[in-house]
Amino acid sequence: MLPDTLERQAIQKGIAEGRAEGLRNALSLVLSRRFGEETAEEAQPALERLTNADTLRQLLDLALTAPDSQTVIDALQQAASEQSED
């Protein structure tokens, strides 16, 4: 039974990583389309550190509605900083 549990955990981890990667890609695309490639590139280091899908969804929503790019960049950097503290 132990290998089944380990296998299930590995599958769940892979699924979570895939979701996070997809959300990071979507967020990068939105930043690029809304605010330009320069903003997407500026956001990349913080984006790469984010792994929590819920946080990424919130940031994606913000990127879709934020009045300016700096609002999103600040939120991204804060989220990445908070995640690295966990």
C-alpha atoms as a PDB file:
ATOM      1  CA  MET A   1       0.000   0.000   0.000  1.00  0.00           C
ATOM      2  CA  LEU A   2       2.870   2.403   0.613  1.00  0.00           C
ATOM      3  CA  PRO A   3       3.906   2.611  -3.065  1.00  0.00           C
ATOM      4  CA  ASP A   4       0.312   3.500  -4.015  1.00  0.00           C
ATOM      5  CA  THR A   5       0.323   6.350  -1.517  1.00  0.00           C
ATOM      6  CA  LEU A   6       3.682   7.628  -2.733  1.00  0.00           C
ATOM      7  CA  GLU A   7       2.560   7.318  -6.339  1.00  0.00           C
ATOM      8  CA  ARG A   8      -0.641   9.224  -5.594  1.00  0.00           C
ATOM      9  CA  GLN A   9       1.322  11.953  -3.822  1.00  0.00           C
ATOM     10  CA  ALA A  10       3.691  12.249  -6.776  1.00  0.00           C
ATOM     11  CA  ILE A  11       0.756  12.484  -9.189  1.00  0.00           C
ATOM     12  CA  GLN A  12      -0.947  15.144  -7.046  1.00  0.00           C
ATOM     13  CA  LYS A  13       2.288  17.117  -6.838  1.00  0.00           C
ATOM     14  CA  GLY A  14       2.684  16.931 -10.615  1.00  0.00           C
ATOM     15  CA  ILE A  15      -0.883  18.123 -11.143  1.00  0.00           C
ATOM     16  CA  ALA A  16      -0.390  21.058  -8.749  1.00  0.00           C
ATOM     17  CA  GLU A  17       2.867  22.028 -10.455  1.00  0.00           C
ATOM     18  CA  GLY A  18       1.156  21.850 -13.851  1.00  0.00           C
ATOM     19  CA  ARG A  19      -1.678  24.091 -12.680  1.00  0.00           C
ATOM     20  CA  ALA A  20       0.756  26.632 -11.276  1.00  0.00           C
ATOM     21  CA  GLU A  21       2.785  26.597 -14.497  1.00  0.00           C
ATOM     22  CA  GLY A  22      -0.345  27.175 -16.565  1.00  0.00           C
ATOM     23  CA  LEU A  23      -1.402  30.077 -14.351  1.00  0.00           C
ATOM     24  CA  ARG A  24       2.083  31.607 -14.513  1.00  0.00           C
ATOM     25  CA  ASN A  25       1.975  31.373 -18.312  1.00  0.00           C
ATOM     26  CA  ALA A  26      -1.503  32.934 -18.431  1.00  0.00           C
ATOM     27  CA  LEU A  27      -0.427  35.726 -16.111  1.00  0.00           C
ATOM     28  CA  SER A  28       2.657  36.432 -18.200  1.00  0.00           C
ATOM     29  CA  LEU A  29       0.529  36.551 -21.352  1.00  0.00           C
ATOM     30  CA  VAL A  30      -1.984  38.952 -19.790  1.00  0.00           C
ATOM     31  CA  LEU A  31       0.813  41.211 -18.567  1.00  0.00           C
ATOM     32  CA  SER A  32       2.390  41.211 -22.008  1.00  0.00           C
ATOM     33  CA  ARG A  33      -0.863  41.967 -23.817  1.00  0.00           C
ATOM     34  CA  ARG A  34      -2.168  44.576 -21.380  1.00  0.00           C
ATOM     35  CA  PHE A  35       1.026  46.355 -20.396  1.00  0.00           C
ATOM     36  CA  GLY A  36       3.704  45.296 -22.882  1.00  0.00           C
ATOM     37  CA  GLU A  37       6.488  42.770 -23.100  1.00  0.00           C
ATOM     38  CA  GLU A  38       8.733  44.864 -20.853  1.00  0.00           C
ATOM     39  CA  THR A  39       6.287  44.499 -17.967  1.00  0.00           C
ATOM     40  CA  ALA A  40       6.012  40.753 -18.511  1.00  0.00           C
ATOM     41  CA  GLU A  41       9.803  40.488 -18.435  1.00  0.00           C
ATOM     42  CA  GLU A  42       9.999  42.607 -15.283  1.00  0.00           C
ATOM     43  CA  ALA A  43       7.469  40.312 -13.611  1.00  0.00           C
ATOM     44  CA  GLN A  44       9.219  37.077 -14.601  1.00  0.00           C
ATOM     45  CA  PRO A  45      11.558  36.672 -11.594  1.00  0.00           C
ATOM     46  CA  ALA A  46       8.678  37.049  -9.128  1.00  0.00           C
ATOM     47  CA  LEU A  47       6.420  34.824 -11.239  1.00  0.00           C
ATOM     48  CA  GLU A  48       8.991  32.030 -11.243  1.00  0.00           C
ATOM     49  CA  ARG A  49       9.008  31.960  -7.439  1.00  0.00           C
ATOM     50  CA  LEU A  50       5.220  31.597  -7.147  1.00  0.00           C
ATOM     51  CA  THR A  51       3.823  28.081  -6.810  1.00  0.00           C
ATOM     52  CA  ASN A  52       0.490  28.539  -5.028  1.00  0.00           C
ATOM     53  CA  ALA A  53      -2.370  28.229  -7.536  1.00  0.00           C
ATOM     54  CA  ASP A  54      -4.786  30.291  -5.418  1.00  0.00           C
ATOM     55  CA  THR A  55      -2.302  33.154  -5.197  1.00  0.00           C
ATOM     56  CA  LEU A  56      -1.637  32.948  -8.925  1.00  0.00           C
ATOM     57  CA  ARG A  57      -5.387  33.050  -9.682  1.00  0.00           C
ATOM     58  CA  GLN A  58      -5.777  36.164  -7.547  1.00  0.00           C
ATOM     59  CA  LEU A  59      -2.847  37.808  -9.316  1.00  0.00           C
ATOM     60  CA  LEU A  60      -4.271  36.850 -12.708  1.00  0.00           C
ATOM     61  CA  ASP A  61      -7.555  38.499 -11.774  1.00  0.00           C
ATOM     62  CA  LEU A  62      -5.645  41.584 -10.644  1.00  0.00           C
ATOM     63  CA  ALA A  63      -3.681  41.666 -13.908  1.00  0.00           C
ATOM     64  CA  LEU A  64      -6.963  41.661 -15.825  1.00  0.00           C
ATOM     65  CA  THR A  65      -8.443  44.557 -13.854  1.00  0.00           C
ATOM     66  CA  ALA A  66      -5.545  46.645 -12.501  1.00  0.00           C
ATOM     67  CA  PRO A  67      -5.432  50.301 -13.539  1.00  0.00           C
ATOM     68  CA  ASP A  68      -1.687  50.111 -14.257  1.00  0.00           C
ATOM     69  CA  SER A  69       1.229  47.721 -14.484  1.00  0.00           C
ATOM     70  CA  GLN A  70       2.927  48.918 -11.302  1.00  0.00           C
ATOM     71  CA  THR A  71      -0.050  47.740  -9.235  1.00  0.00           C
ATOM     72  CA  VAL A  72       0.433  44.223 -10.588  1.00  0.00           C
ATOM     73  CA  ILE A  73       4.235  44.256 -10.289  1.00  0.00           C
ATOM     74  CA  ASP A  74       3.998  45.376  -6.656  1.00  0.00           C
ATOM     75  CA  ALA A  75       1.454  42.643  -5.854  1.00  0.00           C
ATOM     76  CA  LEU A  76       3.572  40.010  -7.605  1.00  0.00           C
ATOM     77  CA  GLN A  77       6.695  41.002  -5.715  1.00  0.00           C
ATOM     78  CA  GLN A  78       4.843  41.034  -2.409  1.00  0.00           C
ATOM     79  CA  ALA A  79       3.295  37.608  -3.049  1.00  0.00           C
ATOM     80  CA  ALA A  80       6.659  36.134  -4.038  1.00  0.00           C
ATOM     81  CA  SER A  81       8.252  37.616  -0.926  1.00  0.00           C
ATOM     82  CA  GLU A  82       5.501  36.256   1.342  1.00  0.00           C
ATOM     83  CA  GLN A  83       5.680  32.813  -0.266  1.00  0.00           C
ATOM     84  CA  SER A  84       9.427  32.593   0.254  1.00  0.00           C
ATOM     85  CA  GLU A  85       8.862  33.338   3.971  1.00  0.00           C
ATOM     86  CA  ASP A  86       6.509  30.345   4.320  1.00  0.00           C
END
